[in-house]
All heavy atoms as atom14 arrays in JSON, in Angstrom:
{
  "sequence": "QVQLVESGGGVVQPGGSLTLSCAASGSSFSIYIMGWYRQAPGKQREL",
  "atom14_mask": [
    [1, 1, 1, 1, 1, 1, 1, 1, 1, 0, 0, 0, 0, 0],
    [1, 1, 1, 1, 1, 1, 1, 0, 0, 0, 0, 0, 0, 0],
    [1, 1, 1, 1, 1, 1, 1, 1, 1, 0, 0, 0, 0, 0],
    [1, 1, 1, 1, 1, 1, 1, 1, 0, 0, 0, 0, 0, 0],
    [1, 1, 1, 1, 1, 1, 1, 0, 0, 0, 0, 0, 0, 0],
    [1, 1, 1, 1, 1, 1, 1, 1, 1, 0, 0, 0, 0, 0],
    [1, 1, 1, 1, 1, 1, 0, 0, 0, 0, 0, 0, 0, 0],
    [1, 1, 1, 1, 0, 0, 0, 0, 0, 0, 0, 0, 0, 0],
    [1, 1, 1, 1, 0, 0, 0, 0, 0, 0, 0, 0, 0, 0],
    [1, 1, 1, 1, 0, 0, 0, 0, 0, 0, 0, 0, 0, 0],
    [1, 1, 1, 1, 1, 1, 1, 0, 0, 0, 0, 0, 0, 0],
    [1, 1, 1, 1, 1, 1, 1, 0, 0, 0, 0, 0, 0, 0],
    [1, 1, 1, 1, 1, 1, 1, 1, 1, 0, 0, 0, 0, 0],
    [1, 1, 1, 1, 1, 1, 1, 0, 0, 0, 0, 0, 0, 0],
    [1, 1, 1, 1, 0, 0, 0, 0, 0, 0, 0, 0, 0, 0],
    [1, 1, 1, 1, 0, 0, 0, 0, 0, 0, 0, 0, 0, 0],
    [1, 1, 1, 1, 1, 1, 0, 0, 0, 0, 0, 0, 0, 0],
    [1, 1, 1, 1, 1, 1, 1, 1, 0, 0, 0, 0, 0, 0],
    [1, 1, 1, 1, 1, 1, 1, 0, 0, 0, 0, 0, 0, 0],
    [1, 1, 1, 1, 1, 1, 1, 1, 0, 0, 0, 0, 0, 0],
    [1, 1, 1, 1, 1, 1, 0, 0, 0, 0, 0, 0, 0, 0],
    [1, 1, 1, 1, 1, 1, 0, 0, 0, 0, 0, 0, 0, 0],
    [1, 1, 1, 1, 1, 0, 0, 0, 0, 0, 0, 0, 0, 0],
    [1, 1, 1, 1, 1, 0, 0, 0, 0, 0, 0, 0, 0, 0],
    [1, 1, 1, 1, 1, 1, 0, 0, 0, 0, 0, 0, 0, 0],
    [1, 1, 1, 1, 0, 0, 0, 0, 0, 0, 0, 0, 0, 0],
    [1, 1, 1, 1, 1, 1, 0, 0, 0, 0, 0, 0, 0, 0],
    [1, 1, 1, 1, 1, 1, 0, 0, 0, 0, 0, 0, 0, 0],
    [1, 1, 1, 1, 1, 1, 1, 1, 1, 1, 1, 0, 0, 0],
    [1, 1, 1, 1, 1, 1, 0, 0, 0, 0, 0, 0, 0, 0],
    [1, 1, 1, 1, 1, 1, 1, 1, 0, 0, 0, 0, 0, 0],
    [1, 1, 1, 1, 1, 1, 1, 1, 1, 1, 1, 1, 0, 0],
    [1, 1, 1, 1, 1, 1, 1, 1, 0, 0, 0, 0, 0, 0],
    [1, 1, 1, 1, 1, 1, 1, 1, 0, 0, 0, 0, 0, 0],
    [1, 1, 1, 1, 0, 0, 0, 0, 0, 0, 0, 0, 0, 0],
    [1, 1, 1, 1, 1, 1, 1, 1, 1, 1, 1, 1, 1, 1],
    [1, 1, 1, 1, 1, 1, 1, 1, 1, 1, 1, 1, 0, 0],
    [1, 1, 1, 1, 1, 1, 1, 1, 1, 1, 1, 0, 0, 0],
    [1, 1, 1, 1, 1, 1, 1, 1, 1, 0, 0, 0, 0, 0],
    [1, 1, 1, 1, 1, 0, 0, 0, 0, 0, 0, 0, 0, 0],
    [1, 1, 1, 1, 1, 1, 1, 0, 0, 0, 0, 0, 0, 0],
    [1, 1, 1, 1, 0, 0, 0, 0, 0, 0, 0, 0, 0, 0],
    [1, 1, 1, 1, 1, 1, 1, 1, 1, 0, 0, 0, 0, 0],
    [1, 1, 1, 1, 1, 1, 1, 1, 1, 0, 0, 0, 0, 0],
    [1, 1, 1, 1, 1, 1, 1, 1, 1, 1, 1, 0, 0, 0],
    [1, 1, 1, 1, 1, 1, 1, 1, 1, 0, 0, 0, 0, 0],
    [1, 1, 1, 1, 1, 1, 1, 1, 0, 0, 0, 0, 0, 0]
  ],
  "atom14_positions": [
    [[-18.74, -2.06, -2.25], [-17.81, -1.13, -1.55], [-16.59, -2.06, -1.15], [-16.71, -3.11, -0.61], [-18.4, -0.57, -0.28], [-17.54, 0.4, 0.42], [-17.49, 1.72, -0.29], [-18.12, 1.97, -1.26], [-16.55, 2.57, 0.1], [0.0, 0.0, 0.0], [0.0, 0.0, 0.0], [0.0, 0.0, 0.0], [0.0, 0.0, 0.0], [0.0, 0.0, 0.0]],
    [[-15.42, -1.41, -1.34], [-14.21, -2.13, -1.05], [-13.44, -1.36, 0.06], [-13.28, -0.17, -0.05], [-13.25, -2.15, -2.28], [-11.87, -2.94, -1.93], [-13.95, -3.09, -3.36], [0.0, 0.0, 0.0], [0.0, 0.0, 0.0], [0.0, 0.0, 0.0], [0.0, 0.0, 0.0], [0.0, 0.0, 0.0], [0.0, 0.0, 0.0], [0.0, 0.0, 0.0]],
    [[-13.11, -2.07, 1.12], [-12.25, -1.45, 2.1], [-10.92, -2.11, 2.14], [-10.76, -3.26, 2.01], [-12.98, -1.62, 3.52], [-14.28, -0.86, 3.64], [-14.9, -1.04, 5.01], [-14.79, -2.06, 5.7], [-15.52, 0.04, 5.45], [0.0, 0.0, 0.0], [0.0, 0.0, 0.0], [0.0, 0.0, 0.0], [0.0, 0.0, 0.0], [0.0, 0.0, 0.0]],
    [[-9.96, -1.19, 2.23], [-8.53, -1.59, 2.18], [-7.81, -1.24, 3.46], [-7.95, -0.13, 4.03], [-7.81, -0.87, 1.05], [-8.47, -1.04, -0.33], [-7.85, -0.1, -1.35], [-8.43, -2.43, -0.79], [0.0, 0.0, 0.0], [0.0, 0.0, 0.0], [0.0, 0.0, 0.0], [0.0, 0.0, 0.0], [0.0, 0.0, 0.0], [0.0, 0.0, 0.0]],
    [[-7.04, -2.15, 3.96], [-6.24, -1.94, 5.27], [-4.76, -2.36, 4.88], [-4.49, -3.45, 4.65], [-6.76, -2.75, 6.41], [-5.9, -2.54, 7.58], [-8.25, -2.38, 6.59], [0.0, 0.0, 0.0], [0.0, 0.0, 0.0], [0.0, 0.0, 0.0], [0.0, 0.0, 0.0], [0.0, 0.0, 0.0], [0.0, 0.0, 0.0], [0.0, 0.0, 0.0]],
    [[-3.9, -1.33, 5.07], [-2.46, -1.6, 4.78], [-1.8, -1.91, 6.2], [-2.25, -1.5, 7.18], [-1.76, -0.38, 4.24], [-2.33, 0.13, 2.91], [-3.31, 1.35, 3.02], [-3.89, 1.43, 4.12], [-3.41, 2.09, 2.17], [0.0, 0.0, 0.0], [0.0, 0.0, 0.0], [0.0, 0.0, 0.0], [0.0, 0.0, 0.0], [0.0, 0.0, 0.0]],
    [[-0.68, -2.66, 6.0], [0.13, -2.99, 7.16], [1.56, -3.29, 6.74], [1.78, -3.41, 5.5], [-0.48, -4.1, 7.97], [-0.53, -5.28, 7.1], [0.0, 0.0, 0.0], [0.0, 0.0, 0.0], [0.0, 0.0, 0.0], [0.0, 0.0, 0.0], [0.0, 0.0, 0.0], [0.0, 0.0, 0.0], [0.0, 0.0, 0.0], [0.0, 0.0, 0.0]],
    [[2.41, -3.29, 7.66], [3.86, -3.62, 7.42], [4.79, -2.47, 7.37], [6.02, -2.73, 7.2], [0.0, 0.0, 0.0], [0.0, 0.0, 0.0], [0.0, 0.0, 0.0], [0.0, 0.0, 0.0], [0.0, 0.0, 0.0], [0.0, 0.0, 0.0], [0.0, 0.0, 0.0], [0.0, 0.0, 0.0], [0.0, 0.0, 0.0], [0.0, 0.0, 0.0]],
    [[4.37, -1.28, 7.48], [5.26, -0.16, 7.52], [6.14, -0.14, 8.72], [5.96, -0.88, 9.72], [0.0, 0.0, 0.0], [0.0, 0.0, 0.0], [0.0, 0.0, 0.0], [0.0, 0.0, 0.0], [0.0, 0.0, 0.0], [0.0, 0.0, 0.0], [0.0, 0.0, 0.0], [0.0, 0.0, 0.0], [0.0, 0.0, 0.0], [0.0, 0.0, 0.0]],
    [[7.13, 0.68, 8.7], [8.06, 0.78, 9.97], [9.31, 1.6, 9.56], [9.35, 2.31, 8.52], [0.0, 0.0, 0.0], [0.0, 0.0, 0.0], [0.0, 0.0, 0.0], [0.0, 0.0, 0.0], [0.0, 0.0, 0.0], [0.0, 0.0, 0.0], [0.0, 0.0, 0.0], [0.0, 0.0, 0.0], [0.0, 0.0, 0.0], [0.0, 0.0, 0.0]],
    [[10.24, 1.47, 10.42], [11.58, 2.21, 10.22], [12.6, 1.18, 9.85], [12.75, 0.09, 10.53], [11.87, 2.9, 11.52], [13.26, 3.63, 11.34], [10.74, 3.9, 12.01], [0.0, 0.0, 0.0], [0.0, 0.0, 0.0], [0.0, 0.0, 0.0], [0.0, 0.0, 0.0], [0.0, 0.0, 0.0], [0.0, 0.0, 0.0], [0.0, 0.0, 0.0]],
    [[13.39, 1.54, 8.85], [14.42, 0.59, 8.36], [15.57, 1.4, 7.96], [15.52, 2.66, 7.52], [13.84, -0.23, 7.15], [13.46, 0.63, 5.96], [14.76, -1.32, 6.81], [0.0, 0.0, 0.0], [0.0, 0.0, 0.0], [0.0, 0.0, 0.0], [0.0, 0.0, 0.0], [0.0, 0.0, 0.0], [0.0, 0.0, 0.0], [0.0, 0.0, 0.0]],
    [[16.84, 0.82, 7.97], [17.98, 1.48, 7.63], [18.14, 1.4, 6.08], [17.62, 0.51, 5.44], [19.2, 0.79, 8.25], [19.26, 1.02, 9.73], [20.53, 0.47, 10.35], [21.11, -0.43, 9.77], [20.92, 1.0, 11.46], [0.0, 0.0, 0.0], [0.0, 0.0, 0.0], [0.0, 0.0, 0.0], [0.0, 0.0, 0.0], [0.0, 0.0, 0.0]],
    [[18.88, 2.36, 5.48], [19.18, 2.24, 4.06], [19.77, 0.93, 3.71], [20.61, 0.36, 4.41], [20.11, 3.37, 3.85], [19.88, 4.36, 4.88], [19.48, 3.61, 6.08], [0.0, 0.0, 0.0], [0.0, 0.0, 0.0], [0.0, 0.0, 0.0], [0.0, 0.0, 0.0], [0.0, 0.0, 0.0], [0.0, 0.0, 0.0], [0.0, 0.0, 0.0]],
    [[19.3, 0.41, 2.59], [19.66, -1.0, 2.15], [18.79, -2.11, 2.73], [18.91, -3.26, 2.27], [0.0, 0.0, 0.0], [0.0, 0.0, 0.0], [0.0, 0.0, 0.0], [0.0, 0.0, 0.0], [0.0, 0.0, 0.0], [0.0, 0.0, 0.0], [0.0, 0.0, 0.0], [0.0, 0.0, 0.0], [0.0, 0.0, 0.0], [0.0, 0.0, 0.0]],
    [[17.92, -1.77, 3.64], [17.0, -2.73, 4.23], [15.87, -3.1, 3.36], [15.76, -2.55, 2.29], [0.0, 0.0, 0.0], [0.0, 0.0, 0.0], [0.0, 0.0, 0.0], [0.0, 0.0, 0.0], [0.0, 0.0, 0.0], [0.0, 0.0, 0.0], [0.0, 0.0, 0.0], [0.0, 0.0, 0.0], [0.0, 0.0, 0.0], [0.0, 0.0, 0.0]],
    [[15.03, -3.95, 3.95], [13.85, -4.39, 3.2], [12.62, -4.4, 4.15], [12.74, -4.38, 5.41], [14.08, -5.91, 2.8], [15.18, -5.96, 1.98], [0.0, 0.0, 0.0], [0.0, 0.0, 0.0], [0.0, 0.0, 0.0], [0.0, 0.0, 0.0], [0.0, 0.0, 0.0], [0.0, 0.0, 0.0], [0.0, 0.0, 0.0], [0.0, 0.0, 0.0]],
    [[11.49, -4.19, 3.52], [10.17, -4.22, 4.15], [9.22, -4.88, 3.21], [9.37, -4.62, 1.99], [9.66, -2.88, 4.56], [10.24, -2.26, 5.81], [9.62, -0.88, 5.93], [9.88, -3.09, 7.05], [0.0, 0.0, 0.0], [0.0, 0.0, 0.0], [0.0, 0.0, 0.0], [0.0, 0.0, 0.0], [0.0, 0.0, 0.0], [0.0, 0.0, 0.0]],
    [[8.12, -5.47, 3.69], [7.04, -5.93, 2.81], [5.76, -5.43, 3.46], [5.47, -5.57, 4.59], [6.94, -7.5, 2.83], [8.21, -7.99, 2.15], [5.75, -7.92, 2.01], [0.0, 0.0, 0.0], [0.0, 0.0, 0.0], [0.0, 0.0, 0.0], [0.0, 0.0, 0.0], [0.0, 0.0, 0.0], [0.0, 0.0, 0.0], [0.0, 0.0, 0.0]],
    [[5.05, -4.61, 2.61], [3.79, -4.11, 2.89], [2.73, -5.07, 2.36], [2.82, -5.73, 1.43], [3.58, -2.72, 2.22], [4.62, -1.68, 2.51], [4.29, -0.37, 1.82], [4.88, -1.5, 3.96], [0.0, 0.0, 0.0], [0.0, 0.0, 0.0], [0.0, 0.0, 0.0], [0.0, 0.0, 0.0], [0.0, 0.0, 0.0], [0.0, 0.0, 0.0]],
    [[1.64, -5.08, 3.22], [0.45, -5.87, 2.81], [-0.78, -4.98, 2.79], [-0.94, -3.99, 3.5], [0.12, -6.99, 3.83], [1.25, -7.77, 3.99], [0.0, 0.0, 0.0], [0.0, 0.0, 0.0], [0.0, 0.0, 0.0], [0.0, 0.0, 0.0], [0.0, 0.0, 0.0], [0.0, 0.0, 0.0], [0.0, 0.0, 0.0], [0.0, 0.0, 0.0]],
    [[-1.73, -5.3, 1.94], [-3.05, -4.62, 1.84], [-4.13, -5.6, 1.71], [-4.22, -6.32, 0.69], [-3.02, -3.68, 0.58], [-4.61, -2.84, 0.3], [0.0, 0.0, 0.0], [0.0, 0.0, 0.0], [0.0, 0.0, 0.0], [0.0, 0.0, 0.0], [0.0, 0.0, 0.0], [0.0, 0.0, 0.0], [0.0, 0.0, 0.0], [0.0, 0.0, 0.0]],
    [[-4.92, -5.66, 2.78], [-5.99, -6.68, 2.73], [-7.31, -5.97, 2.35], [-7.63, -4.85, 2.86], [-6.22, -7.28, 4.14], [0.0, 0.0, 0.0], [0.0, 0.0, 0.0], [0.0, 0.0, 0.0], [0.0, 0.0, 0.0], [0.0, 0.0, 0.0], [0.0, 0.0, 0.0], [0.0, 0.0, 0.0], [0.0, 0.0, 0.0], [0.0, 0.0, 0.0]],
    [[-8.0, -6.49, 1.41], [-9.32, -5.95, 0.95], [-10.4, -6.71, 1.3], [-10.45, -7.95, 1.33], [-9.21, -5.92, -0.62], [0.0, 0.0, 0.0], [0.0, 0.0, 0.0], [0.0, 0.0, 0.0], [0.0, 0.0, 0.0], [0.0, 0.0, 0.0], [0.0, 0.0, 0.0], [0.0, 0.0, 0.0], [0.0, 0.0, 0.0], [0.0, 0.0, 0.0]],
    [[-11.49, -6.01, 1.69], [-12.78, -6.65, 1.97], [-13.65, -6.48, 0.76], [-13.3, -5.82, -0.25], [-13.43, -5.98, 3.19], [-13.85, -4.59, 2.75], [0.0, 0.0, 0.0], [0.0, 0.0, 0.0], [0.0, 0.0, 0.0], [0.0, 0.0, 0.0], [0.0, 0.0, 0.0], [0.0, 0.0, 0.0], [0.0, 0.0, 0.0], [0.0, 0.0, 0.0]],
    [[-14.7, -7.24, 0.81], [-15.63, -7.2, -0.34], [-15.34, -8.24, -1.39], [-14.39, -9.09, -1.22], [0.0, 0.0, 0.0], [0.0, 0.0, 0.0], [0.0, 0.0, 0.0], [0.0, 0.0, 0.0], [0.0, 0.0, 0.0], [0.0, 0.0, 0.0], [0.0, 0.0, 0.0], [0.0, 0.0, 0.0], [0.0, 0.0, 0.0], [0.0, 0.0, 0.0]],
    [[-16.15, -8.37, -2.39], [-16.03, -9.35, -3.39], [-15.43, -8.9, -4.61], [-15.11, -7.72, -4.79], [-17.39, -9.98, -3.73], [-18.24, -8.87, -4.3], [0.0, 0.0, 0.0], [0.0, 0.0, 0.0], [0.0, 0.0, 0.0], [0.0, 0.0, 0.0], [0.0, 0.0, 0.0], [0.0, 0.0, 0.0], [0.0, 0.0, 0.0], [0.0, 0.0, 0.0]],
    [[-15.1, -9.82, -5.51], [-14.56, -9.51, -6.86], [-13.2, -8.75, -6.82], [-12.86, -8.01, -7.7], [-15.49, -8.56, -7.58], [-16.76, -9.14, -7.74], [0.0, 0.0, 0.0], [0.0, 0.0, 0.0], [0.0, 0.0, 0.0], [0.0, 0.0, 0.0], [0.0, 0.0, 0.0], [0.0, 0.0, 0.0], [0.0, 0.0, 0.0], [0.0, 0.0, 0.0]],
    [[-12.35, -9.19, -5.83], [-11.08, -8.59, -5.67], [-10.22, -8.77, -6.92], [-9.46, -7.84, -7.34], [-10.41, -9.26, -4.44], [-8.88, -8.83, -4.31], [-8.65, -7.62, -3.7], [-7.93, -9.73, -4.79], [-7.23, -7.26, -3.56], [-6.6, -9.37, -4.63], [-6.23, -8.09, -3.97], [0.0, 0.0, 0.0], [0.0, 0.0, 0.0], [0.0, 0.0, 0.0]],
    [[-10.35, -9.96, -7.53], [-9.5, -10.21, -8.7], [-9.69, -9.36, -9.92], [-8.8, -9.28, -10.73], [-9.66, -11.77, -9.08], [-10.99, -11.98, -9.55], [0.0, 0.0, 0.0], [0.0, 0.0, 0.0], [0.0, 0.0, 0.0], [0.0, 0.0, 0.0], [0.0, 0.0, 0.0], [0.0, 0.0, 0.0], [0.0, 0.0, 0.0], [0.0, 0.0, 0.0]],
    [[-10.81, -8.71, -9.98], [-11.16, -7.83, -11.21], [-10.46, -6.47, -11.06], [-10.38, -5.77, -12.07], [-12.6, -7.68, -11.46], [-13.25, -6.74, -10.46], [-13.33, -9.05, -11.51], [-14.68, -6.39, -10.73], [0.0, 0.0, 0.0], [0.0, 0.0, 0.0], [0.0, 0.0, 0.0], [0.0, 0.0, 0.0], [0.0, 0.0, 0.0], [0.0, 0.0, 0.0]],
    [[-10.02, -6.16, -9.88], [-9.46, -4.76, -9.7], [-7.96, -4.71, -10.1], [-7.28, -5.62, -9.79], [-9.66, -4.26, -8.3], [-11.05, -4.06, -7.83], [-11.71, -5.01, -7.02], [-11.73, -3.0, -8.32], [-13.03, -4.77, -6.61], [-13.03, -2.68, -7.88], [-13.69, -3.59, -7.05], [-14.91, -3.37, -6.67], [0.0, 0.0, 0.0], [0.0, 0.0, 0.0]],
    [[-7.57, -3.62, -10.7], [-6.25, -3.25, -10.83], [-5.87, -2.73, -9.33], [-6.52, -1.91, -8.85], [-6.02, -2.12, -11.77], [-6.36, -2.64, -13.16], [-4.52, -1.66, -11.79], [-6.26, -1.48, -14.23], [0.0, 0.0, 0.0], [0.0, 0.0, 0.0], [0.0, 0.0, 0.0], [0.0, 0.0, 0.0], [0.0, 0.0, 0.0], [0.0, 0.0, 0.0]],
    [[-4.9, -3.41, -8.79], [-4.44, -3.04, -7.47], [-3.14, -2.29, -7.55], [-2.25, -2.64, -8.34], [-4.2, -4.23, -6.58], [-5.5, -5.05, -6.37], [-6.8, -4.12, -5.47], [-5.94, -3.73, -3.95], [0.0, 0.0, 0.0], [0.0, 0.0, 0.0], [0.0, 0.0, 0.0], [0.0, 0.0, 0.0], [0.0, 0.0, 0.0], [0.0, 0.0, 0.0]],
    [[-3.0, -1.32, -6.77], [-1.83, -0.5, -6.82], [-1.24, 0.05, -5.44], [-2.01, 0.09, -4.53], [0.0, 0.0, 0.0], [0.0, 0.0, 0.0], [0.0, 0.0, 0.0], [0.0, 0.0, 0.0], [0.0, 0.0, 0.0], [0.0, 0.0, 0.0], [0.0, 0.0, 0.0], [0.0, 0.0, 0.0], [0.0, 0.0, 0.0], [0.0, 0.0, 0.0]],
    [[-0.02, 0.38, -5.5], [0.64, 1.06, -4.37], [1.05, 2.44, -4.84], [1.65, 2.5, -5.94], [1.82, 0.23, -3.88], [1.48, -1.02, -3.11], [1.45, -2.3, -3.57], [1.13, -1.09, -1.76], [1.0, -3.22, -2.63], [0.83, -2.48, -1.41], [1.04, -0.18, -0.77], [0.51, -2.93, -0.2], [0.55, -0.67, 0.52], [0.39, -2.01, 0.76]],
    [[0.78, 3.39, -4.06], [1.16, 4.66, -4.2], [1.89, 5.23, -2.95], [1.79, 4.63, -1.85], [-0.04, 5.61, -4.54], [-0.75, 5.34, -5.86], [-1.46, 4.14, -6.06], [-0.62, 6.17, -6.89], [-2.01, 3.79, -7.19], [-1.11, 5.85, -8.15], [-1.87, 4.66, -8.29], [-2.5, 4.41, -9.47], [0.0, 0.0, 0.0], [0.0, 0.0, 0.0]],
    [[2.62, 6.32, -3.05], [3.2, 6.91, -1.9], [3.2, 8.43, -1.96], [3.15, 9.01, -2.98], [4.65, 6.44, -1.74], [5.6, 6.86, -2.84], [6.95, 6.14, -2.66], [7.91, 6.54, -3.65], [9.14, 6.05, -3.91], [9.46, 4.99, -3.08], [9.93, 6.53, -4.79], [0.0, 0.0, 0.0], [0.0, 0.0, 0.0], [0.0, 0.0, 0.0]],
    [[3.31, 9.0, -0.83], [3.29, 10.43, -0.64], [4.28, 10.83, 0.38], [4.16, 10.53, 1.58], [1.94, 11.01, -0.32], [1.86, 12.55, -0.35], [0.46, 13.0, -0.3], [-0.55, 12.27, -0.03], [0.26, 14.21, -0.8], [0.0, 0.0, 0.0], [0.0, 0.0, 0.0], [0.0, 0.0, 0.0], [0.0, 0.0, 0.0], [0.0, 0.0, 0.0]],
    [[5.37, 11.53, -0.1], [6.38, 12.05, 0.85], [5.93, 13.47, 1.32], [5.18, 14.09, 0.64], [7.64, 12.1, 0.2], [0.0, 0.0, 0.0], [0.0, 0.0, 0.0], [0.0, 0.0, 0.0], [0.0, 0.0, 0.0], [0.0, 0.0, 0.0], [0.0, 0.0, 0.0], [0.0, 0.0, 0.0], [0.0, 0.0, 0.0], [0.0, 0.0, 0.0]],
    [[6.43, 13.83, 2.47], [6.12, 15.19, 2.93], [6.39, 16.28, 1.89], [7.44, 16.31, 1.35], [6.99, 15.41, 4.18], [7.25, 13.98, 4.72], [7.37, 13.16, 3.39], [0.0, 0.0, 0.0], [0.0, 0.0, 0.0], [0.0, 0.0, 0.0], [0.0, 0.0, 0.0], [0.0, 0.0, 0.0], [0.0, 0.0, 0.0], [0.0, 0.0, 0.0]],
    [[5.4, 17.1, 1.73], [5.53, 18.3, 0.78], [5.41, 17.84, -0.73], [5.68, 18.77, -1.54], [0.0, 0.0, 0.0], [0.0, 0.0, 0.0], [0.0, 0.0, 0.0], [0.0, 0.0, 0.0], [0.0, 0.0, 0.0], [0.0, 0.0, 0.0], [0.0, 0.0, 0.0], [0.0, 0.0, 0.0], [0.0, 0.0, 0.0], [0.0, 0.0, 0.0]],
    [[5.25, 16.62, -1.02], [5.15, 16.14, -2.43], [3.82, 15.57, -2.67], [3.05, 15.25, -1.88], [6.24, 15.06, -2.6], [7.69, 15.61, -2.46], [8.63, 14.62, -2.95], [10.15, 15.16, -2.83], [11.11, 14.19, -3.34], [0.0, 0.0, 0.0], [0.0, 0.0, 0.0], [0.0, 0.0, 0.0], [0.0, 0.0, 0.0], [0.0, 0.0, 0.0]],
    [[3.55, 15.47, -4.01], [2.27, 14.8, -4.48], [2.38, 13.32, -4.33], [3.45, 12.76, -4.43], [2.06, 15.28, -5.82], [1.64, 16.78, -6.08], [1.19, 17.08, -7.49], [1.65, 16.5, -8.42], [0.28, 18.06, -7.61], [0.0, 0.0, 0.0], [0.0, 0.0, 0.0], [0.0, 0.0, 0.0], [0.0, 0.0, 0.0], [0.0, 0.0, 0.0]],
    [[1.24, 12.79, -4.21], [1.1, 11.31, -4.22], [1.54, 10.74, -5.64], [1.18, 11.33, -6.65], [-0.27, 10.87, -3.91], [-0.44, 9.34, -3.59], [-1.86, 9.06, -3.16], [-2.18, 9.64, -1.88], [-3.27, 9.41, -1.17], [-4.15, 8.59, -1.6], [-3.46, 10.04, -0.09], [0.0, 0.0, 0.0], [0.0, 0.0, 0.0], [0.0, 0.0, 0.0]],
    [[2.31, 9.74, -5.58], [2.91, 9.18, -6.8], [2.69, 7.69, -6.83], [2.68, 6.97, -5.87], [4.35, 9.6, -7.02], [5.26, 8.85, -5.9], [6.69, 9.2, -6.18], [7.12, 9.92, -7.15], [7.56, 8.66, -5.4], [0.0, 0.0, 0.0], [0.0, 0.0, 0.0], [0.0, 0.0, 0.0], [0.0, 0.0, 0.0], [0.0, 0.0, 0.0]],
    [[2.58, 7.2, -8.14], [2.37, 5.7, -8.34], [3.75, 5.09, -8.0], [4.8, 5.5, -8.41], [1.98, 5.5, -9.86], [1.84, 4.07, -10.2], [0.68, 3.9, -11.21], [3.09, 3.5, -10.8], [0.0, 0.0, 0.0], [0.0, 0.0, 0.0], [0.0, 0.0, 0.0], [0.0, 0.0, 0.0], [0.0, 0.0, 0.0], [0.0, 0.0, 0.0]]
  ]
}
């Protein structure tokens, strides 16, 4: 079982920068395809 915890979100002005992190528990992390997805209000989750 893999547990994932994201961090680093926030409020930023246009043109700004942010770095998100995702820490995974469990073993064999290196074998997984890791991805980031997003979902805006009223929209489907997208890669």
